[in-house]
Amino acid sequence: MEITEVRLRLVRDPGKLKAAASITIDDCFVVHDLRVVENEGNLFIAMPNKRIGTGEFRDIAHPINNETRDHIAKLVLDKYKEELEKASAQNASDE
């Protein structure tokens, strides 16, 4: 399995939610609504989920092993950092 594309949208007024991402797997399958979330100063990736009848949230798409989760998280967080740098450079040039 290869992640062939990562698309990321920064949140305009970020709180805990910093960005939303989509990944493309092997140029043929897309997973939308991964989220970059900050909790206690640490960034992590939350998988797409939905609220179930009990009010809890359940992932609707997720890796089945830690190696794959770590690989996806690294790619998405790298893209997040890249987009932050672009936004910062853009803001500096606008001033």
PDB file of N, CA and C in Angstrom:
ATOM      1  N   MET A   1       0.838  -1.177   0.000  1.00  0.00           N
ATOM      2  CA  MET A   1       0.000   0.000   0.000  1.00  0.00           C
ATOM      3  C   MET A   1       0.880   1.237   0.000  1.00  0.00           C
ATOM      4  N   GLU A   2       0.510   2.175  -0.855  1.00  0.00           N
ATOM      5  CA  GLU A   2       1.256   3.424  -0.926  1.00  0.00           C
ATOM      6  C   GLU A   2       0.286   4.591  -0.837  1.00  0.00           C
ATOM      7  N   ILE A   3       0.618   5.555   0.009  1.00  0.00           N
ATOM      8  CA  ILE A   3      -0.153   6.796   0.062  1.00  0.00           C
ATOM      9  C   ILE A   3       0.394   7.649  -1.072  1.00  0.00           C
ATOM     10  N   THR A   4      -0.412   7.865  -2.101  1.00  0.00           N
ATOM     11  CA  THR A   4       0.061   8.550  -3.299  1.00  0.00           C
ATOM     12  C   THR A   4      -0.244  10.041  -3.302  1.00  0.00           C
ATOM     13  N   GLU A   5      -1.120  10.499  -2.398  1.00  0.00           N
ATOM     14  CA  GLU A   5      -1.398  11.931  -2.304  1.00  0.00           C
ATOM     15  C   GLU A   5      -1.959  12.257  -0.929  1.00  0.00           C
ATOM     16  N   VAL A   6      -1.549  13.407  -0.429  1.00  0.00           N
ATOM     17  CA  VAL A   6      -2.116  13.951   0.809  1.00  0.00           C
ATOM     18  C   VAL A   6      -2.582  15.368   0.492  1.00  0.00           C
ATOM     19  N   ARG A   7      -3.852  15.626   0.694  1.00  0.00           N
ATOM     20  CA  ARG A   7      -4.411  16.973   0.528  1.00  0.00           C
ATOM     21  C   ARG A   7      -4.827  17.467   1.912  1.00  0.00           C
ATOM     22  N   LEU A   8      -4.563  18.746   2.167  1.00  0.00           N
ATOM     23  CA  LEU A   8      -4.794  19.266   3.509  1.00  0.00           C
ATOM     24  C   LEU A   8      -5.401  20.663   3.434  1.00  0.00           C
ATOM     25  N   ARG A   9      -6.362  20.933   4.308  1.00  0.00           N
ATOM     26  CA  ARG A   9      -6.982  22.248   4.414  1.00  0.00           C
ATOM     27  C   ARG A   9      -6.791  22.745   5.845  1.00  0.00           C
ATOM     28  N   LEU A  10      -6.067  23.849   5.981  1.00  0.00           N
ATOM     29  CA  LEU A  10      -5.878  24.438   7.306  1.00  0.00           C
ATOM     30  C   LEU A  10      -7.196  25.037   7.777  1.00  0.00           C
ATOM     31  N   VAL A  11      -7.445  24.985   9.078  1.00  0.00           N
ATOM     32  CA  VAL A  11      -8.626  25.600   9.679  1.00  0.00           C
ATOM     33  C   VAL A  11      -8.321  27.082   9.870  1.00  0.00           C
ATOM     34  N   ARG A  12      -9.256  27.947   9.480  1.00  0.00           N
ATOM     35  CA  ARG A  12      -9.021  29.402   9.555  1.00  0.00           C
ATOM     36  C   ARG A  12      -8.833  29.905  10.981  1.00  0.00           C
ATOM     37  N   ASP A  13      -9.691  29.518  11.878  1.00  0.00           N
ATOM     38  CA  ASP A  13      -9.599  29.930  13.285  1.00  0.00           C
ATOM     39  C   ASP A  13      -9.414  28.683  14.136  1.00  0.00           C
ATOM     40  N   PRO A  14      -8.192  28.173  14.167  1.00  0.00           N
ATOM     41  CA  PRO A  14      -7.992  26.883  14.841  1.00  0.00           C
ATOM     42  C   PRO A  14      -8.142  26.959  16.354  1.00  0.00           C
ATOM     43  N   GLY A  15      -8.800  25.960  16.882  1.00  0.00           N
ATOM     44  CA  GLY A  15      -8.814  25.693  18.312  1.00  0.00           C
ATOM     45  C   GLY A  15      -8.006  24.415  18.449  1.00  0.00           C
ATOM     46  N   LYS A  16      -8.651  23.362  18.905  1.00  0.00           N
ATOM     47  CA  LYS A  16      -7.968  22.065  18.939  1.00  0.00           C
ATOM     48  C   LYS A  16      -7.828  21.488  17.542  1.00  0.00           C
ATOM     49  N   LEU A  17      -8.833  21.724  16.685  1.00  0.00           N
ATOM     50  CA  LEU A  17      -8.778  21.243  15.313  1.00  0.00           C
ATOM     51  C   LEU A  17      -7.905  22.180  14.495  1.00  0.00           C
ATOM     52  N   LYS A  18      -6.854  21.657  13.902  1.00  0.00           N
ATOM     53  CA  LYS A  18      -5.897  22.467  13.150  1.00  0.00           C
ATOM     54  C   LYS A  18      -6.077  22.357  11.640  1.00  0.00           C
ATOM     55  N   ALA A  19      -6.498  21.168  11.159  1.00  0.00           N
ATOM     56  CA  ALA A  19      -6.628  20.966   9.713  1.00  0.00           C
ATOM     57  C   ALA A  19      -7.451  19.721   9.441  1.00  0.00           C
ATOM     58  N   ALA A  20      -7.953  19.642   8.210  1.00  0.00           N
ATOM     59  CA  ALA A  20      -8.633  18.444   7.723  1.00  0.00           C
ATOM     60  C   ALA A  20      -7.845  17.937   6.529  1.00  0.00           C
ATOM     61  N   ALA A  21      -7.776  16.627   6.381  1.00  0.00           N
ATOM     62  CA  ALA A  21      -6.958  16.046   5.320  1.00  0.00           C
ATOM     63  C   ALA A  21      -7.706  14.931   4.610  1.00  0.00           C
ATOM     64  N   SER A  22      -7.247  14.671   3.402  1.00  0.00           N
ATOM     65  CA  SER A  22      -7.679  13.513   2.625  1.00  0.00           C
ATOM     66  C   SER A  22      -6.426  12.812   2.143  1.00  0.00           C
ATOM     67  N   ILE A  23      -6.465  11.495   2.119  1.00  0.00           N
ATOM     68  CA  ILE A  23      -5.335  10.741   1.574  1.00  0.00           C
ATOM     69  C   ILE A  23      -5.839   9.871   0.426  1.00  0.00           C
ATOM     70  N   THR A  24      -4.975   9.698  -0.560  1.00  0.00           N
ATOM     71  CA  THR A  24      -5.261   8.794  -1.668  1.00  0.00           C
ATOM     72  C   THR A  24      -4.319   7.604  -1.534  1.00  0.00           C
ATOM     73  N   ILE A  25      -4.876   6.424  -1.646  1.00  0.00           N
ATOM     74  CA  ILE A  25      -4.117   5.182  -1.508  1.00  0.00           C
ATOM     75  C   ILE A  25      -3.996   4.536  -2.886  1.00  0.00           C
ATOM     76  N   ASP A  26      -2.760   4.264  -3.297  1.00  0.00           N
ATOM     77  CA  ASP A  26      -2.480   3.576  -4.565  1.00  0.00           C
ATOM     78  C   ASP A  26      -3.181   4.217  -5.757  1.00  0.00           C
ATOM     79  N   ASP A  27      -3.307   5.538  -5.745  1.00  0.00           N
ATOM     80  CA  ASP A  27      -3.953   6.276  -6.843  1.00  0.00           C
ATOM     81  C   ASP A  27      -5.355   5.778  -7.174  1.00  0.00           C
ATOM     82  N   CYS A  28      -6.024   5.088  -6.231  1.00  0.00           N
ATOM     83  CA  CYS A  28      -7.339   4.546  -6.589  1.00  0.00           C
ATOM     84  C   CYS A  28      -8.361   4.552  -5.459  1.00  0.00           C
ATOM     85  N   PHE A  29      -7.993   4.954  -4.248  1.00  0.00           N
ATOM     86  CA  PHE A  29      -8.947   4.951  -3.141  1.00  0.00           C
ATOM     87  C   PHE A  29      -8.672   6.160  -2.265  1.00  0.00           C
ATOM     88  N   VAL A  30      -9.707   6.946  -1.969  1.00  0.00           N
ATOM     89  CA  VAL A  30      -9.543   8.166  -1.178  1.00  0.00           C
ATOM     90  C   VAL A  30     -10.242   8.020   0.166  1.00  0.00           C
ATOM     91  N   VAL A  31      -9.590   8.501   1.206  1.00  0.00           N
ATOM     92  CA  VAL A  31     -10.191   8.586   2.538  1.00  0.00           C
ATOM     93  C   VAL A  31     -10.206  10.063   2.907  1.00  0.00           C
ATOM     94  N   HIS A  32     -11.420  10.604   3.131  1.00  0.00           N
ATOM     95  CA  HIS A  32     -11.596  12.009   3.496  1.00  0.00           C
ATOM     96  C   HIS A  32     -11.783  12.138   5.008  1.00  0.00           C
ATOM     97  N   ASP A  33     -11.655  13.361   5.466  1.00  0.00           N
ATOM     98  CA  ASP A  33     -11.993  13.753   6.840  1.00  0.00           C
ATOM     99  C   ASP A  33     -11.071  13.212   7.920  1.00  0.00           C
ATOM    100  N   LEU A  34      -9.797  12.998   7.592  1.00  0.00           N
ATOM    101  CA  LEU A  34      -8.822  12.807   8.653  1.00  0.00           C
ATOM    102  C   LEU A  34      -8.608  14.191   9.252  1.00  0.00           C
ATOM    103  N   ARG A  35      -8.360  14.268  10.534  1.00  0.00           N
ATOM    104  CA  ARG A  35      -8.221  15.562  11.180  1.00  0.00           C
ATOM    105  C   ARG A  35      -6.899  15.662  11.927  1.00  0.00           C
ATOM    106  N   VAL A  36      -6.267  16.832  11.821  1.00  0.00           N
ATOM    107  CA  VAL A  36      -5.084  17.143  12.615  1.00  0.00           C
ATOM    108  C   VAL A  36      -5.599  17.867  13.854  1.00  0.00           C
ATOM    109  N   VAL A  37      -5.353  17.281  15.015  1.00  0.00           N
ATOM    110  CA  VAL A  37      -5.882  17.787  16.278  1.00  0.00           C
ATOM    111  C   VAL A  37      -4.722  18.004  17.243  1.00  0.00           C
ATOM    112  N   GLU A  38      -4.823  19.086  18.023  1.00  0.00           N
ATOM    113  CA  GLU A  38      -3.828  19.349  19.052  1.00  0.00           C
ATOM    114  C   GLU A  38      -4.464  19.091  20.410  1.00  0.00           C
ATOM    115  N   ASN A  39      -3.759  18.331  21.239  1.00  0.00           N
ATOM    116  CA  ASN A  39      -4.216  18.056  22.595  1.00  0.00           C
ATOM    117  C   ASN A  39      -3.018  18.143  23.519  1.00  0.00           C
ATOM    118  N   GLU A  40      -3.081  19.056  24.464  1.00  0.00           N
ATOM    119  CA  GLU A  40      -2.004  19.264  25.438  1.00  0.00           C
ATOM    120  C   GLU A  40      -0.664  19.486  24.745  1.00  0.00           C
ATOM    121  N   GLY A  41      -0.684  20.271  23.655  1.00  0.00           N
ATOM    122  CA  GLY A  41       0.545  20.628  22.960  1.00  0.00           C
ATOM    123  C   GLY A  41       1.047  19.596  21.971  1.00  0.00           C
ATOM    124  N   ASN A  42       0.387  18.462  21.878  1.00  0.00           N
ATOM    125  CA  ASN A  42       0.802  17.412  20.942  1.00  0.00           C
ATOM    126  C   ASN A  42      -0.183  17.320  19.783  1.00  0.00           C
ATOM    127  N   LEU A  43       0.358  17.148  18.583  1.00  0.00           N
ATOM    128  CA  LEU A  43      -0.481  16.953  17.412  1.00  0.00           C
ATOM    129  C   LEU A  43      -0.703  15.471  17.179  1.00  0.00           C
ATOM    130  N   PHE A  44      -1.915  15.106  16.780  1.00  0.00           N
ATOM    131  CA  PHE A  44      -2.189  13.735  16.393  1.00  0.00           C
ATOM    132  C   PHE A  44      -3.213  13.728  15.274  1.00  0.00           C
ATOM    133  N   ILE A  45      -3.365  12.589  14.642  1.00  0.00           N
ATOM    134  CA  ILE A  45      -4.306  12.410  13.552  1.00  0.00           C
ATOM    135  C   ILE A  45      -5.511  11.638  14.079  1.00  0.00           C
ATOM    136  N   ALA A  46      -6.702  12.217  13.867  1.00  0.00           N
ATOM    137  CA  ALA A  46      -7.951  11.535  14.202  1.00  0.00           C
ATOM    138  C   ALA A  46      -8.543  10.997  12.904  1.00  0.00           C
ATOM    139  N   MET A  47      -8.961   9.769  12.934  1.00  0.00           N
ATOM    140  CA  MET A  47      -9.534   9.135  11.752  1.00  0.00           C
ATOM    141  C   MET A  47     -10.989   9.578  11.557  1.00  0.00           C
ATOM    142  N   PRO A  48     -11.510   9.421  10.352  1.00  0.00           N
ATOM    143  CA  PRO A  48     -12.918   9.763  10.112  1.00  0.00           C
ATOM    144  C   PRO A  48     -13.812   8.933  11.030  1.00  0.00           C
ATOM    145  N   ASN A  49     -14.832   9.582  11.588  1.00  0.00           N
ATOM    146  CA  ASN A  49     -15.713   8.857  12.499  1.00  0.00           C
ATOM    147  C   ASN A  49     -17.139   9.356  12.388  1.00  0.00           C
ATOM    148  N   LYS A  50     -18.040   8.651  13.056  1.00  0.00           N
ATOM    149  CA  LYS A  50     -19.433   9.080  13.116  1.00  0.00           C
ATOM    150  C   LYS A  50     -19.958   8.785  14.514  1.00  0.00           C
ATOM    151  N   ARG A  51     -20.991   9.527  14.884  1.00  0.00           N
ATOM    152  CA  ARG A  51     -21.614   9.331  16.191  1.00  0.00           C
ATOM    153  C   ARG A  51     -22.584   8.152  16.082  1.00  0.00           C
ATOM    154  N   ILE A  52     -22.495   7.243  17.054  1.00  0.00           N
ATOM    155  CA  ILE A  52     -23.412   6.102  17.076  1.00  0.00           C
ATOM    156  C   ILE A  52     -24.538   6.377  18.074  1.00  0.00           C
ATOM    157  N   GLY A  53     -25.486   5.491  18.153  1.00  0.00           N
ATOM    158  CA  GLY A  53     -26.677   5.672  18.973  1.00  0.00           C
ATOM    159  C   GLY A  53     -26.424   6.001  20.429  1.00  0.00           C
ATOM    160  N   THR A  54     -25.309   5.558  20.992  1.00  0.00           N
ATOM    161  CA  THR A  54     -25.004   5.818  22.398  1.00  0.00           C
ATOM    162  C   THR A  54     -24.409   7.205  22.623  1.00  0.00           C
ATOM    163  N   GLY A  55     -24.167   7.936  21.529  1.00  0.00           N
ATOM    164  CA  GLY A  55     -23.542   9.247  21.646  1.00  0.00           C
ATOM    165  C   GLY A  55     -22.031   9.190  21.508  1.00  0.00           C
ATOM    166  N   GLU A  56     -21.474   7.998  21.503  1.00  0.00           N
ATOM    167  CA  GLU A  56     -20.034   7.826  21.318  1.00  0.00           C
ATOM    168  C   GLU A  56     -19.693   7.944  19.840  1.00  0.00           C
ATOM    169  N   PHE A  57     -18.410   8.168  19.564  1.00  0.00           N
ATOM    170  CA  PHE A  57     -17.935   8.216  18.190  1.00  0.00           C
ATOM    171  C   PHE A  57     -17.202   6.928  17.860  1.00  0.00           C
ATOM    172  N   ARG A  58     -17.387   6.459  16.642  1.00  0.00           N
ATOM    173  CA  ARG A  58     -16.716   5.242  16.184  1.00  0.00           C
ATOM    174  C   ARG A  58     -16.038   5.558  14.854  1.00  0.00           C
ATOM    175  N   ASP A  59     -14.754   5.156  14.731  1.00  0.00           N
ATOM    176  CA  ASP A  59     -14.040   5.350  13.465  1.00  0.00           C
ATOM    177  C   ASP A  59     -14.752   4.585  12.359  1.00  0.00           C
ATOM    178  N   ILE A  60     -14.875   5.215  11.193  1.00  0.00           N
ATOM    179  CA  ILE A  60     -15.481   4.533  10.056  1.00  0.00           C
ATOM    180  C   ILE A  60     -14.427   4.061   9.060  1.00  0.00           C
ATOM    181  N   ALA A  61     -13.218   4.563   9.193  1.00  0.00           N
ATOM    182  CA  ALA A  61     -12.081   4.088   8.408  1.00  0.00           C
ATOM    183  C   ALA A  61     -10.851   4.265   9.281  1.00  0.00           C
ATOM    184  N   HIS A  62     -10.031   3.229   9.354  1.00  0.00           N
ATOM    185  CA  HIS A  62      -8.840   3.324  10.197  1.00  0.00           C
ATOM    186  C   HIS A  62      -7.850   2.227   9.835  1.00  0.00           C
ATOM    187  N   PRO A  63      -6.553   2.475  10.115  1.00  0.00           N
ATOM    188  CA  PRO A  63      -5.547   1.439   9.903  1.00  0.00           C
ATOM    189  C   PRO A  63      -5.763   0.303  10.902  1.00  0.00           C
ATOM    190  N   ILE A  64      -5.356  -0.893  10.520  1.00  0.00           N
ATOM    191  CA  ILE A  64      -5.538  -2.016  11.435  1.00  0.00           C
ATOM    192  C   ILE A  64      -4.261  -2.387  12.174  1.00  0.00           C
ATOM    193  N   ASN A  65      -3.182  -1.629  11.928  1.00  0.00           N
ATOM    194  CA  ASN A  65      -1.973  -1.865  12.714  1.00  0.00           C
ATOM    195  C   ASN A  65      -1.252  -0.539  12.959  1.00  0.00           C
ATOM    196  N   ASN A  66      -0.412  -0.528  13.975  1.00  0.00           N
ATOM    197  CA  ASN A  66       0.277   0.704  14.374  1.00  0.00           C
ATOM    198  C   ASN A  66       1.257   1.196  13.329  1.00  0.00           C
ATOM    199  N   GLU A  67       1.892   0.286  12.612  1.00  0.00           N
ATOM    200  CA  GLU A  67       2.848   0.681  11.578  1.00  0.00           C
ATOM    201  C   GLU A  67       2.154   1.543  10.510  1.00  0.00           C
ATOM    202  N   THR A  68       0.992   1.104  10.072  1.00  0.00           N
ATOM    203  CA  THR A  68       0.252   1.855   9.059  1.00  0.00           C
ATOM    204  C   THR A  68      -0.260   3.171   9.628  1.00  0.00           C
ATOM    205  N   ARG A  69      -0.758   3.153  10.863  1.00  0.00           N
ATOM    206  CA  ARG A  69      -1.225   4.384  11.512  1.00  0.00           C
ATOM    207  C   ARG A  69      -0.080   5.390  11.616  1.00  0.00           C
ATOM    208  N   ASP A  70       1.083   4.943  12.041  1.00  0.00           N
ATOM    209  CA  ASP A  70       2.234   5.837  12.177  1.00  0.00           C
ATOM    210  C   ASP A  70       2.662   6.396  10.822  1.00  0.00           C
ATOM    211  N   HIS A  71       2.619   5.570   9.786  1.00  0.00           N
ATOM    212  CA  HIS A  71       2.998   6.003   8.436  1.00  0.00           C
ATOM    213  C   HIS A  71       2.041   7.102   7.955  1.00  0.00           C
ATOM    214  N   ILE A  72       0.745   6.881   8.098  1.00  0.00           N
ATOM    215  CA  ILE A  72      -0.248   7.873   7.680  1.00  0.00           C
ATOM    216  C   ILE A  72      -0.079   9.154   8.500  1.00  0.00           C
ATOM    217  N   ALA A  73       0.083   9.025   9.795  1.00  0.00           N
ATOM    218  CA  ALA A  73       0.239  10.193  10.666  1.00  0.00           C
ATOM    219  C   ALA A  73       1.457  11.009  10.262  1.00  0.00           C
ATOM    220  N   LYS A  74       2.564  10.356   9.975  1.00  0.00           N
ATOM    221  CA  LYS A  74       3.778  11.074   9.569  1.00  0.00           C
ATOM    222  C   LYS A  74       3.544  11.855   8.282  1.00  0.00           C
ATOM    223  N   LEU A  75       2.939  11.222   7.295  1.00  0.00           N
ATOM    224  CA  LEU A  75       2.699  11.908   6.020  1.00  0.00           C
ATOM    225  C   LEU A  75       1.764  13.102   6.187  1.00  0.00           C
ATOM    226  N   VAL A  76       0.685  12.931   6.945  1.00  0.00           N
ATOM    227  CA  VAL A  76      -0.278  14.015   7.136  1.00  0.00           C
ATOM    228  C   VAL A  76       0.344  15.140   7.963  1.00  0.00           C
ATOM    229  N   LEU A  77       1.065  14.812   9.024  1.00  0.00           N
ATOM    230  CA  LEU A  77       1.687  15.854   9.847  1.00  0.00           C
ATOM    231  C   LEU A  77       2.792  16.578   9.097  1.00  0.00           C
ATOM    232  N   ASP A  78       3.534  15.873   8.249  1.00  0.00           N
ATOM    233  CA  ASP A  78       4.544  16.537   7.409  1.00  0.00           C
ATOM    234  C   ASP A  78       3.874  17.529   6.469  1.00  0.00           C
ATOM    235  N   LYS A  79       2.760  17.129   5.866  1.00  0.00           N
ATOM    236  CA  LYS A  79       2.010  18.023   4.976  1.00  0.00           C
ATOM    237  C   LYS A  79       1.469  19.215   5.761  1.00  0.00           C
ATOM    238  N   TYR A  80       0.995  18.984   6.976  1.00  0.00           N
ATOM    239  CA  TYR A  80       0.500  20.065   7.829  1.00  0.00           C
ATOM    240  C   TYR A  80       1.601  21.087   8.087  1.00  0.00           C
ATOM    241  N   LYS A  81       2.772  20.627   8.450  1.00  0.00           N
ATOM    242  CA  LYS A  81       3.897  21.533   8.719  1.00  0.00           C
ATOM    243  C   LYS A  81       4.281  22.308   7.461  1.00  0.00           C
ATOM    244  N   GLU A  82       4.259  21.639   6.312  1.00  0.00           N
ATOM    245  CA  GLU A  82       4.556  22.286   5.036  1.00  0.00           C
ATOM    246  C   GLU A  82       3.534  23.393   4.741  1.00  0.00           C
ATOM    247  N   GLU A  83       2.254  23.109   4.960  1.00  0.00           N
ATOM    248  CA  GLU A  83       1.206  24.101   4.707  1.00  0.00           C
ATOM    249  C   GLU A  83       1.299  25.272   5.693  1.00  0.00           C
ATOM    250  N   LEU A  84       1.673  25.006   6.938  1.00  0.00           N
ATOM    251  CA  LEU A  84       1.871  26.090   7.906  1.00  0.00           C
ATOM    252  C   LEU A  84       2.996  27.012   7.458  1.00  0.00           C
ATOM    253  N   GLU A  85       4.087  26.433   6.968  1.00  0.00           N
ATOM    254  CA  GLU A  85       5.213  27.235   6.488  1.00  0.00           C
ATOM    255  C   GLU A  85       4.800  28.092   5.296  1.00  0.00           C
ATOM    256  N   LYS A  86       4.027  27.523   4.370  1.00  0.00           N
ATOM    257  CA  LYS A  86       3.543  28.282   3.212  1.00  0.00           C
ATOM    258  C   LYS A  86       2.663  29.433   3.669  1.00  0.00           C
ATOM    259  N   ALA A  87       1.750  29.163   4.600  1.00  0.00           N
ATOM    260  CA  ALA A  87       0.847  30.200   5.096  1.00  0.00           C
ATOM    261  C   ALA A  87       1.625  31.298   5.807  1.00  0.00           C
ATOM    262  N   SER A  88       2.620  30.920   6.573  1.00  0.00           N
ATOM    263  CA  SER A  88       3.442  31.897   7.284  1.00  0.00           C
ATOM    264  C   SER A  88       4.220  32.766   6.298  1.00  0.00           C
ATOM    265  N   ALA A  89       4.784  32.146   5.266  1.00  0.00           N
ATOM    266  CA  ALA A  89       5.517  32.898   4.249  1.00  0.00           C
ATOM    267  C   ALA A  89       4.580  33.830   3.495  1.00  0.00           C
ATOM    268  N   GLN A  90       3.385  33.380   3.200  1.00  0.00           N
ATOM    269  CA  GLN A  90       2.397  34.201   2.504  1.00  0.00           C
ATOM    270  C   GLN A  90       2.001  35.403   3.351  1.00  0.00           C
ATOM    271  N   ASN A  91       1.783  35.168   4.640  1.00  0.00           N
ATOM    272  CA  ASN A  91       1.424  36.273   5.545  1.00  0.00           C
ATOM    273  C   ASN A  91       2.546  37.286   5.657  1.00  0.00           C
ATOM    274  N   ALA A  92       3.787  36.815   5.692  1.00  0.00           N
ATOM    275  CA  ALA A  92       4.932  37.706   5.789  1.00  0.00           C
ATOM    276  C   ALA A  92       5.063  38.551   4.518  1.00  0.00           C
ATOM    277  N   SER A  93       4.789  37.965   3.366  1.00  0.00           N
ATOM    278  CA  SER A  93       4.907  38.726   2.114  1.00  0.00           C
ATOM    279  C   SER A  93       3.752  39.704   1.938  1.00  0.00           C
ATOM    280  N   ASP A  94       2.623  39.459   2.606  1.00  0.00           N
ATOM    281  CA  ASP A  94       1.467  40.356   2.522  1.00  0.00           C
ATOM    282  C   ASP A  94       1.660  41.620   3.372  1.00  0.00           C
ATOM    283  N   GLU A  95       2.564  41.545   4.326  1.00  0.00           N
ATOM    284  CA  GLU A  95       2.762  42.685   5.252  1.00  0.00           C
ATOM    285  C   GLU A  95       3.645  43.737   4.681  1.00  0.00           C
TER     286      GLU A  95
END
